[in-house]
Protein backbone atom coordinates (compact mmCIF):
# COMPACT_ATOMS: atom_id res chain seq x y z
CA MET A 1 42.84 -106.05 -15.57
CA ALA A 2 39.83 -103.84 -14.78
CA LEU A 3 39.42 -100.24 -15.91
CA SER A 4 39.30 -97.41 -13.41
CA ILE A 5 36.65 -94.70 -13.45
CA LYS A 6 39.30 -92.26 -14.69
CA GLU A 7 40.25 -94.55 -17.59
CA ILE A 8 36.60 -94.93 -18.63
CA THR A 9 36.08 -91.17 -18.38
CA ASP A 10 39.21 -90.51 -20.44
CA LEU A 11 38.10 -92.93 -23.19
CA ILE A 12 34.65 -91.37 -23.44
CA THR A 13 35.87 -87.76 -23.40
CA ALA A 14 38.45 -88.57 -26.09
CA SER A 15 35.54 -89.33 -28.44
CA ILE A 16 32.93 -87.02 -26.93
CA PRO A 17 34.89 -83.98 -25.71
CA ASP A 18 31.95 -82.03 -24.28
CA ALA A 19 30.63 -85.01 -22.29
CA VAL A 20 29.62 -84.50 -18.69
CA ILE A 21 30.15 -87.91 -17.12
CA GLU A 22 29.07 -89.43 -13.80
CA ILE A 23 30.30 -92.97 -13.17
CA ASN A 24 29.50 -95.21 -10.21
CA ASP A 25 31.15 -98.50 -9.30
CA LEU A 26 28.08 -100.65 -8.66
CA MET A 27 29.76 -103.61 -6.95
CA GLY A 28 32.96 -102.06 -5.61
CA ASP A 29 34.95 -104.38 -7.87
CA ASN A 30 36.13 -101.97 -10.60
CA ASN A 31 34.26 -104.13 -13.08
CA HIS A 32 30.54 -103.24 -12.91
CA TYR A 33 29.74 -99.58 -13.52
CA SER A 34 26.86 -97.28 -14.30
CA ALA A 35 27.51 -94.16 -16.34
CA LYS A 36 25.38 -91.09 -16.97
CA ILE A 37 26.69 -89.17 -19.96
CA THR A 38 25.34 -85.82 -21.12
CA SER A 39 26.47 -84.26 -24.40
CA LYS A 40 25.35 -82.05 -27.28
CA VAL A 41 26.55 -84.83 -29.59
CA PHE A 42 23.45 -86.79 -28.52
CA ASN A 43 21.01 -84.11 -29.67
CA ASN A 44 18.55 -85.46 -32.24
CA LEU A 45 19.92 -89.03 -31.99
CA SER A 46 17.92 -92.04 -30.84
CA LYS A 47 18.90 -93.67 -27.55
CA ILE A 48 20.36 -96.59 -29.51
CA GLU A 49 22.56 -94.25 -31.58
CA GLN A 50 23.63 -92.43 -28.41
CA HIS A 51 24.63 -95.69 -26.73
CA LYS A 52 26.48 -96.84 -29.84
CA LEU A 53 28.61 -93.68 -29.69
CA VAL A 54 29.52 -94.45 -26.08
CA TYR A 55 30.33 -98.09 -26.83
CA LYS A 56 32.41 -97.01 -29.84
CA SER A 57 34.44 -94.70 -27.58
CA LEU A 58 35.26 -97.66 -25.33
CA GLY A 59 36.37 -99.79 -28.27
CA LYS A 60 37.67 -103.26 -27.48
CA LYS A 61 37.87 -102.46 -23.76
CA MET A 62 34.13 -103.15 -23.46
CA GLY A 63 33.60 -106.81 -22.68
CA ASN A 64 37.28 -107.29 -21.90
CA GLU A 65 38.83 -104.98 -19.29
CA LEU A 66 35.39 -103.46 -18.74
CA HIS A 67 32.96 -106.23 -17.91
CA ALA A 68 29.65 -104.38 -17.41
CA LEU A 69 28.52 -100.82 -18.00
CA THR A 70 24.96 -99.56 -17.63
CA ILE A 71 24.60 -96.43 -19.75
CA THR A 72 22.20 -93.53 -19.38
CA THR A 73 22.57 -90.80 -22.00
CA LYS A 74 21.05 -87.35 -22.03
CA GLU A 75 21.03 -84.57 -24.59
CA LEU A 76 22.66 -81.30 -23.58
CA LYS A 77 20.49 -78.41 -24.68
C-alpha cells in the first residue's frame, strides 16, 4: 500500500513541526515522490544530517510503503 502526500507530510511534521513541505508525485503512482523541506531544525547541519532527519521521520515506511523519495532540504533563516 502506497503512502499519500498527506501521510508523508504528517510523518515529517510529526518529527519536524516547523517544516514547510512541498511534495510532488513524480510518476502519478503514489510511489515516487520529490519533497522540498524547509526548517530551522536544519540550520548548521550538513545536507547528509538534514536528510537523515527526514528519513528518520519516515521510519520503516521508507523503502516499504514509500518506494522512492527525492529530498531537497533548506535551512529556514
